[in-house]
């Protein structure tokens, strides 16, 4: 048997630009993919962190991503999240290709956020605040810029050097950008209050900013956590907002931003306005307050993006 083709990070990025990734995700939902039918991922605690297995299948393809989350890795100079994707033929279940799991995650997560923003955010959204300074923060700058006319970026990070480095990358794109630390309360609060888009891409376990700062009409995406006790958004923001999730079943199992608010009685599960499929189909009507998209990451997203990269390669 010949060796399986391996699509490394550079190949995945070349084969599937961000705009194309957003489009293939939307196409999958429009042609009937049901996020609620995706199997729940098993999460196994191991000495170094967590091991996640993310299986999914459609008519043409099946696949599984094996992901590791090692919280101590940044101190070792290694990525916190690592992984590998194995793509199979849907009918015969013969293996077709192996893909770089980090590249896949780094692409599909911001692409999913951008898809939600495409249907939730005000058309002229120009001012973006990004919490975080890692790969997902950068990916969200690129993704949200692909679907909205972003001109101004505020980066908020714990490390001032990393925050400024990401701001410099934004300036290289021709954007106005500056970096702040979480300690710089006044400028951060001012930026959040004036933002059209807010992207939360952190490992925070407690809310990143007072939700009352987010103006009516602003769109907030939160992607940093898949744990029921961790959250980036506070109860005030969630209660005021039109809340969209990838899938209700996944959100009620893994989305701490939603689960904690339900547990405290701030909202009920009926507060969720819909899932991504509802949003794409026009079944979500945004209320007068902010709009929130809460993502935990789902296996169907990996499969759709991996299949599109493989088809581009073949």
Protein backbone atom coordinates (compact mmCIF):
# COMPACT_ATOMS: atom_id res chain seq x y z
CA UNK A 1 0.00 0.00 0.00
CA UNK A 2 1.42 3.38 -0.94
CA UNK A 3 1.95 6.01 1.75
CA UNK A 4 -0.92 8.37 2.41
CA UNK A 5 -0.44 11.90 1.11
CA UNK A 6 0.39 14.37 3.86
CA UNK A 7 -0.87 17.93 3.52
CA UNK A 8 1.36 20.05 5.72
CA UNK A 9 0.53 23.48 7.13
CA UNK A 10 1.84 25.45 4.16
CA UNK A 11 -0.07 23.23 1.73
CA UNK A 12 -3.34 23.55 3.64
CA UNK A 13 -2.98 27.34 3.75
CA UNK A 14 -2.15 27.50 0.04
CA UNK A 15 -4.97 25.21 -1.03
CA UNK A 16 -7.70 26.85 1.02
CA UNK A 17 -7.52 30.63 1.53
CA UNK A 18 -9.61 32.03 4.37
CA UNK A 19 -12.35 33.37 2.10
CA UNK A 20 -12.74 29.96 0.48
CA UNK A 21 -12.90 28.24 3.89
CA UNK A 22 -15.77 30.53 4.92
CA UNK A 23 -17.60 29.77 1.70
CA UNK A 24 -17.28 25.97 1.93
CA UNK A 25 -18.60 26.02 5.49
CA UNK A 26 -21.61 28.05 4.40
CA UNK A 27 -22.18 25.82 1.37
CA UNK A 28 -22.18 22.73 3.61
CA UNK A 29 -24.88 24.21 5.83
CA UNK A 30 -26.96 25.43 2.91
CA UNK A 31 -26.94 21.96 1.35
CA UNK A 32 -28.30 20.31 4.45
CA UNK A 33 -25.48 19.53 6.87
CA UNK A 34 -26.99 19.44 10.36
CA UNK A 35 -24.55 20.53 13.11
CA UNK A 36 -26.81 18.90 15.71
CA UNK A 37 -26.12 15.48 14.16
CA UNK A 38 -22.36 15.70 14.80
CA UNK A 39 -21.16 13.18 17.41
CA UNK A 40 -20.00 14.66 20.70
CA UNK A 41 -16.24 14.51 21.07
CA UNK A 42 -14.75 12.44 23.87
CA UNK A 43 -12.35 14.44 26.04
CA UNK A 44 -9.80 12.44 28.02
CA UNK A 45 -7.69 13.97 30.76
CA UNK A 46 -4.06 12.82 30.51
CA UNK A 47 -1.01 13.81 32.60
CA UNK A 48 0.06 16.54 30.19
CA UNK A 49 -3.38 18.00 29.57
CA UNK A 50 -6.23 16.69 27.42
CA UNK A 51 -6.71 14.39 24.44
CA UNK A 52 -9.71 15.07 22.19
CA UNK A 53 -11.07 12.86 19.40
CA UNK A 54 -13.34 14.60 16.89
CA UNK A 55 -15.08 12.25 14.42
CA UNK A 56 -17.55 13.29 11.72
CA UNK A 57 -19.00 11.94 8.49
CA UNK A 58 -20.93 13.15 5.45
CA UNK A 59 -21.99 11.21 2.37
CA UNK A 60 -18.68 11.65 0.55
CA UNK A 61 -16.17 11.73 3.39
CA UNK A 62 -15.48 10.74 6.95
CA UNK A 63 -12.70 11.92 9.18
CA UNK A 64 -11.30 12.22 12.67
CA UNK A 65 -9.06 14.78 14.30
CA UNK A 66 -6.89 13.76 17.23
CA UNK A 67 -6.09 16.89 19.22
CA UNK A 68 -3.93 17.43 22.27
CA UNK A 69 -4.15 20.43 24.59
CA UNK A 70 -1.06 20.90 26.75
CA UNK A 71 -1.36 24.04 28.93
CA UNK A 72 2.35 24.01 29.84
CA UNK A 73 3.56 23.94 26.24
CA UNK A 74 3.92 27.70 25.67
CA UNK A 75 6.56 27.69 28.41
CA UNK A 76 8.38 24.98 26.46
CA UNK A 77 8.22 26.97 23.25
CA UNK A 78 5.65 24.54 21.83
CA UNK A 79 2.05 25.09 20.66
CA UNK A 80 -0.63 24.68 23.31
CA UNK A 81 -2.84 22.85 20.78
CA UNK A 82 -1.46 20.14 18.47
CA UNK A 83 -3.10 17.50 16.35
CA UNK A 84 -3.45 15.41 13.23
CA UNK A 85 -6.39 14.88 10.88
CA UNK A 86 -7.14 11.62 9.05
CA UNK A 87 -9.55 11.85 6.09
CA UNK A 88 -11.43 8.80 4.77
CA UNK A 89 -13.59 8.06 1.75
CA UNK A 90 -17.21 8.15 2.89
CA UNK A 91 -18.36 4.96 1.14
CA UNK A 92 -15.42 2.58 1.47
CA UNK A 93 -13.88 4.24 4.56
CA UNK A 94 -10.49 3.87 2.90
CA UNK A 95 -7.98 6.42 4.20
CA UNK A 96 -7.32 9.22 1.74
CA UNK A 97 -4.96 11.71 3.36
CA UNK A 98 -3.42 13.04 6.55
CA UNK A 99 -3.53 16.76 7.24
CA UNK A 100 -1.71 19.01 9.66
CA UNK A 101 -4.14 19.36 12.56
CA UNK A 102 -2.85 22.70 13.83
CA UNK A 103 -3.19 24.30 10.41
CA UNK A 104 -6.70 22.88 10.08
CA UNK A 105 -7.76 24.23 13.49
CA UNK A 106 -6.10 27.58 12.86
CA UNK A 107 -8.09 27.89 9.63
CA UNK A 108 -11.51 26.52 10.46
CA UNK A 109 -12.00 28.24 13.84
CA UNK A 110 -11.72 31.82 12.54
CA UNK A 111 -13.52 30.80 9.34
CA UNK A 112 -16.52 29.64 11.41
CA UNK A 113 -16.44 32.92 13.34
CA UNK A 114 -16.29 34.86 10.08
CA UNK A 115 -19.28 32.93 8.76
CA UNK A 116 -21.29 33.94 11.83
CA UNK A 117 -20.10 37.54 11.53
CA UNK A 118 -21.08 37.56 7.85
CA UNK A 119 -24.71 37.03 8.92
CA UNK A 120 -24.76 38.78 12.32
CA UNK A 121 -22.64 41.91 12.15
CA UNK A 122 -23.50 45.35 10.87
CA UNK A 123 -22.40 45.68 7.22
CA UNK A 124 -20.07 48.62 7.91
CA UNK A 125 -18.32 47.10 10.96
CA UNK A 126 -14.84 48.65 10.94
CA UNK A 127 -13.53 48.72 14.51
CA UNK A 128 -12.26 45.41 15.91
CA UNK A 129 -11.04 44.54 19.40
CA UNK A 130 -9.18 41.23 19.72
CA UNK A 131 -8.54 39.66 23.11
CA UNK A 132 -5.51 37.38 22.79
CA UNK A 133 -2.23 37.55 20.91
CA UNK A 134 -1.72 34.00 19.65
CA UNK A 135 -2.47 32.21 16.37
CA UNK A 136 -6.25 32.34 16.83
CA UNK A 137 -6.17 36.08 17.47
CA UNK A 138 -4.22 36.62 14.24
CA UNK A 139 -6.50 34.22 12.38
CA UNK A 140 -9.54 36.18 13.53
CA UNK A 141 -8.07 39.44 12.28
CA UNK A 142 -7.61 37.87 8.84
CA UNK A 143 -11.01 36.14 8.86
CA UNK A 144 -13.12 39.06 10.05
CA UNK A 145 -11.30 41.37 7.65
CA UNK A 146 -12.40 39.00 4.87
CA UNK A 147 -16.12 39.53 5.60
CA UNK A 148 -16.26 43.09 6.96
CA UNK A 149 -14.39 46.34 6.09
CA UNK A 150 -12.17 46.25 9.19
CA UNK A 151 -9.87 49.28 9.39
CA UNK A 152 -8.97 49.64 13.06
CA UNK A 153 -7.73 46.93 15.44
CA UNK A 154 -7.07 47.00 19.18
CA UNK A 155 -5.14 43.97 20.48
CA UNK A 156 -5.54 43.17 24.19
CA UNK A 157 -3.13 40.62 25.63
CA UNK A 158 -1.48 39.68 28.91
CA UNK A 159 2.02 40.10 27.49
CA UNK A 160 2.67 43.64 26.23
CA UNK A 161 5.38 42.55 23.79
CA UNK A 162 3.16 39.91 22.18
CA UNK A 163 0.22 42.29 22.01
CA UNK A 164 2.33 44.92 20.29
CA UNK A 165 3.84 42.31 17.94
CA UNK A 166 0.36 41.29 16.78
CA UNK A 167 -0.60 44.95 16.39
CA UNK A 168 2.49 45.42 14.22
CA UNK A 169 1.38 42.53 11.99
CA UNK A 170 -1.98 44.26 11.63
CA UNK A 171 -0.25 47.49 10.65
CA UNK A 172 1.66 45.55 8.01
CA UNK A 173 -1.75 44.82 6.46
CA UNK A 174 -2.43 48.54 6.24
CA UNK A 175 -4.68 48.62 9.32
CA UNK A 176 -4.56 51.12 12.15
CA UNK A 177 -3.63 49.05 15.21
CA UNK A 178 -2.27 49.25 18.72
CA UNK A 179 -1.55 46.77 21.51
CA UNK A 180 -2.65 46.96 25.14
CA UNK A 181 -2.38 44.75 28.19
CA UNK A 182 -5.33 43.75 30.33
CA UNK A 183 -4.01 46.12 32.99
CA UNK A 184 -4.55 49.15 30.75
CA UNK A 185 -8.16 49.45 31.84
CA UNK A 186 -9.12 52.89 30.53
CA UNK A 187 -7.97 52.50 26.90
CA UNK A 188 -9.27 48.91 26.76
CA UNK A 189 -12.68 49.94 28.10
CA UNK A 190 -12.82 52.79 25.58
CA UNK A 191 -11.92 50.44 22.73
CA UNK A 192 -14.52 47.85 23.76
CA UNK A 193 -17.22 50.50 24.10
CA UNK A 194 -16.50 51.76 20.59
CA UNK A 195 -16.02 48.40 18.91
CA UNK A 196 -18.17 47.07 16.10
CA UNK A 197 -16.57 43.60 16.43
CA UNK A 198 -15.01 41.91 19.47
CA UNK A 199 -13.14 38.62 19.14
CA UNK A 200 -12.29 36.68 22.30
CA UNK A 201 -9.48 34.21 21.56
CA UNK A 202 -7.99 33.43 24.97
CA UNK A 203 -7.59 30.72 27.57
CA UNK A 204 -9.38 32.88 30.15
CA UNK A 205 -11.61 31.18 32.69
CA UNK A 206 -13.28 34.41 33.84
CA UNK A 207 -14.91 37.20 31.79
CA UNK A 208 -12.48 39.42 29.91
CA UNK A 209 -14.42 42.68 30.14
CA UNK A 210 -17.62 44.08 31.67
CA UNK A 211 -20.39 43.09 29.29
CA UNK A 212 -22.19 46.40 29.79
CA UNK A 213 -19.40 48.02 27.75
CA UNK A 214 -20.41 46.27 24.52
CA UNK A 215 -22.73 48.59 22.64
CA UNK A 216 -26.05 47.60 21.11
CA UNK A 217 -25.41 46.28 17.61
CA UNK A 218 -21.85 45.16 18.30
CA UNK A 219 -20.99 41.56 17.43
CA UNK A 220 -18.91 39.48 19.85
CA UNK A 221 -17.37 36.09 19.03
CA UNK A 222 -15.99 33.89 21.81
CA UNK A 223 -13.88 30.90 20.78
CA UNK A 224 -11.38 30.36 23.58
CA UNK A 225 -13.01 27.62 25.65
CA UNK A 226 -14.77 24.28 25.28
CA UNK A 227 -15.12 23.74 29.04
CA UNK A 228 -18.41 24.16 30.94
CA UNK A 229 -16.82 26.16 33.76
CA UNK A 230 -14.65 28.50 31.67
CA UNK A 231 -15.95 31.65 30.06
CA UNK A 232 -14.80 34.80 28.33
CA UNK A 233 -18.16 36.65 28.48
CA UNK A 234 -20.11 37.71 31.55
CA UNK A 235 -23.78 37.19 32.38
CA UNK A 236 -24.70 40.78 31.57
CA UNK A 237 -23.53 40.50 27.97
CA UNK A 238 -25.06 37.07 27.40
CA UNK A 239 -28.41 38.19 28.83
CA UNK A 240 -28.54 41.33 26.65
CA UNK A 241 -27.44 39.64 23.47
CA UNK A 242 -28.90 37.67 20.62
CA UNK A 243 -26.91 34.47 21.17
CA UNK A 244 -26.05 32.08 18.33
CA UNK A 245 -24.13 28.84 18.86
CA UNK A 246 -22.73 26.18 16.53
CA UNK A 247 -25.19 23.59 17.82
CA UNK A 248 -27.45 23.68 20.84
CA UNK A 249 -26.46 20.23 22.05
CA UNK A 250 -22.74 21.06 21.95
CA UNK A 251 -23.22 24.47 23.55
CA UNK A 252 -25.22 23.07 26.46
CA UNK A 253 -22.46 20.52 27.11
CA UNK A 254 -19.32 22.61 26.54
CA UNK A 255 -19.96 26.37 26.27
CA UNK A 256 -19.24 27.81 29.71
CA UNK A 257 -20.28 31.29 28.57
CA UNK A 258 -23.81 29.90 28.16
CA UNK A 259 -23.82 27.15 30.79
CA UNK A 260 -22.75 29.37 33.70
CA UNK A 261 -25.43 31.95 32.84
CA UNK A 262 -28.06 29.18 32.77
CA UNK A 263 -26.77 27.69 36.01
CA UNK A 264 -27.08 31.06 37.74
CA UNK A 265 -30.60 31.59 36.42
CA UNK A 266 -29.59 34.61 34.35
CA UNK A 267 -30.97 32.97 31.19
CA UNK A 268 -32.62 29.70 30.20
CA UNK A 269 -31.70 27.51 27.26
CA UNK A 270 -34.55 29.16 25.34
CA UNK A 271 -32.49 32.37 25.30
CA UNK A 272 -30.34 30.84 22.54
CA UNK A 273 -31.55 32.37 19.29
CA UNK A 274 -30.41 29.46 17.15
CA UNK A 275 -27.49 27.53 15.75
CA UNK A 276 -25.33 28.24 12.71
CA UNK A 277 -27.72 26.45 10.37
CA UNK A 278 -30.58 28.62 11.65
CA UNK A 279 -28.47 31.74 11.17
CA UNK A 280 -27.49 30.87 7.59
CA UNK A 281 -31.11 30.07 6.73
CA UNK A 282 -32.31 33.44 8.02
CA UNK A 283 -34.20 31.98 10.98
CA UNK A 284 -32.34 34.15 13.52
CA UNK A 285 -33.61 37.68 14.05
CA UNK A 286 -31.16 39.92 15.91
CA UNK A 287 -32.64 41.87 18.81
CA UNK A 288 -31.82 45.44 19.81
CA UNK A 289 -28.78 44.53 21.94
CA UNK A 290 -25.38 43.08 21.06
CA UNK A 291 -25.01 39.90 19.01
CA UNK A 292 -22.93 36.99 20.36
CA UNK A 293 -21.56 33.95 18.59
CA UNK A 294 -20.22 31.32 20.96
CA UNK A 295 -18.03 28.61 19.41
CA UNK A 296 -16.57 25.52 21.04
CA UNK A 297 -15.27 23.94 17.83
CA UNK A 298 -17.02 20.99 16.19
CA UNK A 299 -15.89 18.00 14.16
CA UNK A 300 -18.11 18.76 11.14
CA UNK A 301 -16.16 21.98 10.60
CA UNK A 302 -12.85 20.11 10.44
CA UNK A 303 -14.29 17.58 8.01
CA UNK A 304 -15.72 20.20 5.64
CA UNK A 305 -12.47 22.16 5.54
CA UNK A 306 -10.25 19.07 5.31
CA UNK A 307 -12.33 17.68 2.43
CA UNK A 308 -12.16 20.97 0.57
CA UNK A 309 -8.37 21.10 0.97
CA UNK A 310 -8.07 17.50 -0.23
CA UNK A 311 -10.24 18.17 -3.27
CA UNK A 312 -8.15 21.22 -4.11
CA UNK A 313 -5.01 19.07 -3.80
CA UNK A 314 -6.36 16.34 -6.10
